[in-house]
Amino acid sequence: MFKPLITISLVVAMCALPVVAQPITPRPPDAKPTNAKDKKIAEVGEEAPQFELTDQFGKTHKLEQYKGKIVVLEWFNEKCPYCKGVWESGLVPTLKNELQEKETEVVYLAINSSANRPEEDVLESGAEFLEELESETPMLMDYDGAVGHKFGARTTPHMFIIDAEGVLVYSGAISDDHSLKEGDKAETHVLRVVTQLEAGEEVSPSYVQPWGCSVKYERGGGKGRRGPAGRPGR
């Protein structure tokens, strides 16, 4: 059963305002990388970066194995009040149910790039959170942040949608309800994009600024922007 959002207002207040990520400025074609981590970031309209990650059940997931299906990626951190909010309000569970009713098979994966705690703690805490919500959603561990950096994931949640041909067609917010007032009634960009894909329509808009807490990448490799007044998201 879903847990009521009894404390969501207080927790969100503690997190200050949501982090709003800015679009990434493309690097000039002739520019050279400045370090090993300064690599090409995924762009909408291009083939999505391949990855291989293991979930909380010990199962390995390769993006290539989902060719022919629509893949939805959610950057996830159960300690982030915004991420907790979209799950505990029932928004994500409702969205997943709606996606299951689509004619095209849709795969929903949560990716956890949090590295501000020991890896074992991140894995255990995230798995327990999903288990309490009776969700078997795969939570893929990206502790070194390699996949997050490839996709340019900035916030939790930050959504990416890959079409059946393996092309990244959407990057951004899960919905426009960053105050979490609409709960599971909020209209999601995810459902919109999947509906557009099934109808053979152009995905528009294909980018909506994501909001939430900054992704807690490993120290020294973080890409998340700091919140207002220099306060980072939780």
Protein backbone atom coordinates (compact mmCIF):
# COMPACT_ATOMS: atom_id res chain seq x y z
CA MET A 1 0.00 0.00 0.00
CA PHE A 2 1.13 3.60 -0.58
CA LYS A 3 2.18 5.58 2.50
CA PRO A 4 0.35 8.92 2.95
CA LEU A 5 2.39 12.07 2.48
CA ILE A 6 1.99 13.14 6.10
CA THR A 7 5.38 14.81 6.36
CA ILE A 8 6.05 15.75 2.76
CA SER A 9 5.57 19.52 3.30
CA LEU A 10 8.03 19.56 6.18
CA VAL A 11 10.60 17.44 4.36
CA VAL A 12 10.36 19.47 1.18
CA ALA A 13 10.81 22.65 3.22
CA MET A 14 13.98 21.19 4.70
CA CYS A 15 15.25 20.61 1.18
CA ALA A 16 14.62 24.26 0.31
CA LEU A 17 13.56 24.72 -3.31
CA PRO A 18 13.91 22.11 -6.04
CA VAL A 19 17.09 22.08 -8.04
CA VAL A 20 16.30 23.04 -11.62
CA ALA A 21 18.92 21.69 -13.97
CA GLN A 22 20.02 23.74 -16.93
CA PRO A 23 20.40 22.38 -20.47
CA ILE A 24 23.90 21.24 -21.31
CA THR A 25 25.80 23.45 -23.74
CA PRO A 26 27.14 21.24 -26.55
CA ARG A 27 30.94 21.09 -26.84
CA PRO A 28 32.36 22.38 -30.13
CA PRO A 29 33.19 19.49 -32.50
CA ASP A 30 36.93 20.30 -32.50
CA ALA A 31 37.20 20.68 -28.72
CA LYS A 32 39.38 18.18 -26.90
CA PRO A 33 38.40 16.54 -23.60
CA THR A 34 40.08 18.13 -20.59
CA ASN A 35 40.02 14.99 -18.46
CA ALA A 36 38.92 11.36 -18.51
CA LYS A 37 35.41 12.19 -17.32
CA ASP A 38 34.89 14.95 -19.88
CA LYS A 39 33.18 12.73 -22.42
CA LYS A 40 30.26 13.13 -24.78
CA ILE A 41 26.92 13.34 -23.02
CA ALA A 42 23.80 11.75 -24.48
CA GLU A 43 21.67 14.04 -26.62
CA VAL A 44 18.03 13.74 -27.53
CA GLY A 45 17.68 12.46 -31.08
CA GLU A 46 20.80 10.30 -30.89
CA GLU A 47 21.34 6.68 -29.91
CA ALA A 48 21.22 6.27 -26.13
CA PRO A 49 24.46 5.23 -24.40
CA GLN A 50 24.72 1.51 -23.76
CA PHE A 51 25.03 0.36 -20.17
CA GLU A 52 25.16 -2.77 -18.05
CA LEU A 53 24.10 -2.50 -14.40
CA THR A 54 22.94 -4.84 -11.63
CA ASP A 55 19.73 -4.33 -9.67
CA GLN A 56 18.82 -4.95 -6.02
CA PHE A 57 17.90 -8.55 -6.83
CA GLY A 58 21.30 -9.30 -8.35
CA LYS A 59 19.94 -9.31 -11.91
CA THR A 60 22.03 -7.73 -14.67
CA HIS A 61 20.35 -5.33 -17.07
CA LYS A 62 21.80 -4.36 -20.45
CA LEU A 63 20.13 -1.63 -22.45
CA GLU A 64 20.64 -3.61 -25.64
CA GLN A 65 18.43 -6.42 -24.32
CA TYR A 66 15.42 -4.08 -24.42
CA LYS A 67 15.67 -3.25 -28.14
CA GLY A 68 12.16 -3.21 -29.56
CA LYS A 69 10.70 -1.89 -26.32
CA ILE A 70 10.31 1.62 -24.95
CA VAL A 71 12.63 2.15 -21.99
CA VAL A 72 11.93 4.68 -19.24
CA LEU A 73 14.82 5.55 -16.92
CA GLU A 74 14.27 7.39 -13.64
CA TRP A 75 17.27 8.69 -11.70
CA PHE A 76 16.36 7.62 -8.20
CA ASN A 77 17.30 8.40 -4.59
CA GLU A 78 14.89 7.39 -1.85
CA LYS A 79 16.49 9.94 0.50
CA CYS A 80 15.48 12.83 -1.77
CA PRO A 81 12.09 14.25 -0.66
CA TYR A 82 11.08 14.95 -4.25
CA CYS A 83 11.86 11.42 -5.32
CA LYS A 84 10.08 10.08 -2.23
CA GLY A 85 7.17 12.36 -3.01
CA VAL A 86 6.52 11.11 -6.53
CA TRP A 87 6.64 7.53 -5.28
CA GLU A 88 4.77 7.80 -1.98
CA SER A 89 2.01 9.94 -3.49
CA GLY A 90 1.31 7.11 -5.88
CA LEU A 91 2.35 9.11 -8.96
CA VAL A 92 5.05 6.69 -10.13
CA PRO A 93 3.05 3.53 -9.30
CA THR A 94 0.04 4.98 -11.15
CA LEU A 95 2.25 5.93 -14.09
CA LYS A 96 3.68 2.44 -14.25
CA ASN A 97 0.18 0.94 -14.31
CA GLU A 98 -0.79 3.27 -17.14
CA LEU A 99 2.31 2.32 -19.10
CA GLN A 100 1.47 -1.37 -18.74
CA GLU A 101 -1.80 -0.72 -20.56
CA LYS A 102 0.03 0.56 -23.65
CA GLU A 103 0.23 -1.59 -26.77
CA THR A 104 4.01 -1.23 -26.93
CA GLU A 105 5.88 -2.90 -24.09
CA VAL A 106 7.43 -0.34 -21.77
CA VAL A 107 10.31 -1.13 -19.42
CA TYR A 108 10.64 1.09 -16.33
CA LEU A 109 14.03 1.15 -14.60
CA ALA A 110 15.19 3.21 -11.61
CA ILE A 111 18.90 4.08 -11.63
CA ASN A 112 20.63 4.99 -8.36
CA SER A 113 23.86 6.98 -8.73
CA SER A 114 23.95 8.09 -5.08
CA ALA A 115 27.46 7.87 -3.63
CA ASN A 116 27.25 10.07 -0.53
CA ARG A 117 26.84 6.95 1.62
CA PRO A 118 28.51 3.53 1.62
CA GLU A 119 27.39 1.48 -1.37
CA GLU A 120 25.89 -1.23 0.83
CA ASP A 121 23.75 1.37 2.62
CA VAL A 122 22.54 2.88 -0.67
CA LEU A 123 21.58 -0.55 -1.98
CA GLU A 124 19.85 -1.67 1.22
CA SER A 125 17.98 1.56 1.83
CA GLY A 126 16.75 1.89 -1.74
CA ALA A 127 15.65 -1.74 -1.87
CA GLU A 128 13.77 -1.43 1.43
CA PHE A 129 11.99 1.71 0.22
CA LEU A 130 10.69 -0.02 -2.90
CA GLU A 131 9.81 -3.16 -0.96
CA GLU A 132 7.72 -1.15 1.51
CA LEU A 133 5.79 0.24 -1.44
CA GLU A 134 5.33 -3.33 -2.70
CA SER A 135 7.17 -2.43 -5.89
CA GLU A 136 9.44 -4.81 -7.75
CA THR A 137 10.83 -2.02 -9.92
CA PRO A 138 14.48 -2.82 -10.71
CA MET A 139 16.81 -0.34 -9.00
CA LEU A 140 20.05 -0.39 -10.96
CA MET A 141 23.17 0.48 -9.00
CA ASP A 142 25.42 3.10 -10.65
CA TYR A 143 27.57 3.87 -7.62
CA ASP A 144 30.52 5.21 -9.61
CA GLY A 145 28.16 7.48 -11.54
CA ALA A 146 29.47 6.37 -14.94
CA VAL A 147 26.02 5.87 -16.46
CA GLY A 148 24.62 8.99 -14.84
CA HIS A 149 27.38 11.08 -16.37
CA LYS A 150 26.84 9.51 -19.79
CA PHE A 151 23.19 10.51 -19.74
CA GLY A 152 23.79 13.85 -18.05
CA ALA A 153 21.45 13.02 -15.16
CA ARG A 154 21.20 16.06 -12.89
CA THR A 155 18.36 15.56 -10.45
CA THR A 156 16.30 12.96 -8.64
CA PRO A 157 14.00 12.38 -10.32
CA HIS A 158 15.35 12.99 -13.83
CA MET A 159 13.60 11.04 -16.56
CA PHE A 160 15.00 9.69 -19.83
CA ILE A 161 12.94 7.87 -22.46
CA ILE A 162 14.43 5.64 -25.15
CA ASP A 163 12.33 4.50 -28.09
CA ALA A 164 12.12 0.99 -29.52
CA GLU A 165 15.01 1.73 -31.88
CA GLY A 166 17.32 2.71 -29.04
CA VAL A 167 17.15 6.46 -29.64
CA LEU A 168 16.93 8.89 -26.73
CA VAL A 169 13.72 10.84 -27.38
CA TYR A 170 13.11 12.65 -24.08
CA SER A 171 15.09 14.06 -21.17
CA GLY A 172 13.71 16.02 -18.26
CA ALA A 173 11.06 16.38 -15.58
CA ILE A 174 8.61 13.65 -14.68
CA SER A 175 5.82 16.27 -14.53
CA ASP A 176 5.30 20.00 -14.08
CA ASP A 177 4.09 19.48 -10.50
CA HIS A 178 7.37 20.24 -8.73
CA SER A 179 5.45 21.35 -5.62
CA LEU A 180 3.95 17.83 -5.37
CA LYS A 181 0.49 19.31 -4.75
CA GLU A 182 -1.31 17.23 -7.36
CA GLY A 183 -0.04 13.87 -6.09
CA ASP A 184 -0.92 10.92 -8.31
CA LYS A 185 -3.27 13.13 -10.35
CA ALA A 186 -0.40 15.06 -11.93
CA GLU A 187 -0.04 14.64 -15.69
CA THR A 188 3.36 13.19 -16.53
CA HIS A 189 5.61 13.94 -19.46
CA VAL A 190 6.46 10.25 -19.49
CA LEU A 191 2.93 9.15 -20.38
CA ARG A 192 2.70 11.97 -22.93
CA VAL A 193 5.91 10.92 -24.67
CA VAL A 194 4.99 7.24 -24.78
CA THR A 195 1.55 8.14 -26.19
CA GLN A 196 3.20 10.30 -28.86
CA LEU A 197 5.58 7.48 -29.79
CA GLU A 198 2.74 4.99 -30.17
CA ALA A 199 0.83 7.43 -32.36
CA GLY A 200 3.86 7.90 -34.59
CA GLU A 201 4.00 11.58 -33.67
CA GLU A 202 7.03 13.75 -33.06
CA VAL A 203 7.97 13.89 -29.40
CA SER A 204 7.35 17.48 -28.39
CA PRO A 205 8.59 18.88 -26.16
CA SER A 206 11.55 16.50 -26.01
CA TYR A 207 13.23 18.38 -23.16
CA VAL A 208 11.66 19.84 -20.01
CA GLN A 209 13.92 21.16 -17.26
CA PRO A 210 14.13 18.49 -14.54
CA TRP A 211 13.58 19.40 -10.90
CA GLY A 212 14.40 17.74 -7.59
CA CYS A 213 17.51 17.19 -5.51
CA SER A 214 20.91 17.10 -7.17
CA VAL A 215 22.21 13.62 -7.98
CA LYS A 216 24.64 12.69 -5.20
CA TYR A 217 27.55 11.61 -7.35
CA GLU A 218 30.82 10.48 -5.80
CA ARG A 219 32.86 13.31 -4.32
CA GLY A 220 34.89 15.10 -6.94
CA GLY A 221 32.79 13.75 -9.80
CA GLY A 222 29.43 15.31 -9.08
CA LYS A 223 27.50 17.04 -11.83
CA GLY A 224 24.49 18.26 -9.85
CA ARG A 225 23.89 21.99 -9.44
CA ARG A 226 23.59 23.45 -5.96
CA GLY A 227 20.26 24.75 -4.80
CA PRO A 228 19.29 28.36 -4.04
CA ALA A 229 21.42 30.29 -1.56
CA GLY A 230 24.19 27.72 -2.02
CA ARG A 231 22.18 24.99 -0.29
CA PRO A 232 22.48 21.60 -1.93
CA GLY A 233 19.49 19.30 -2.28
CA ARG A 234 19.31 16.55 0.29
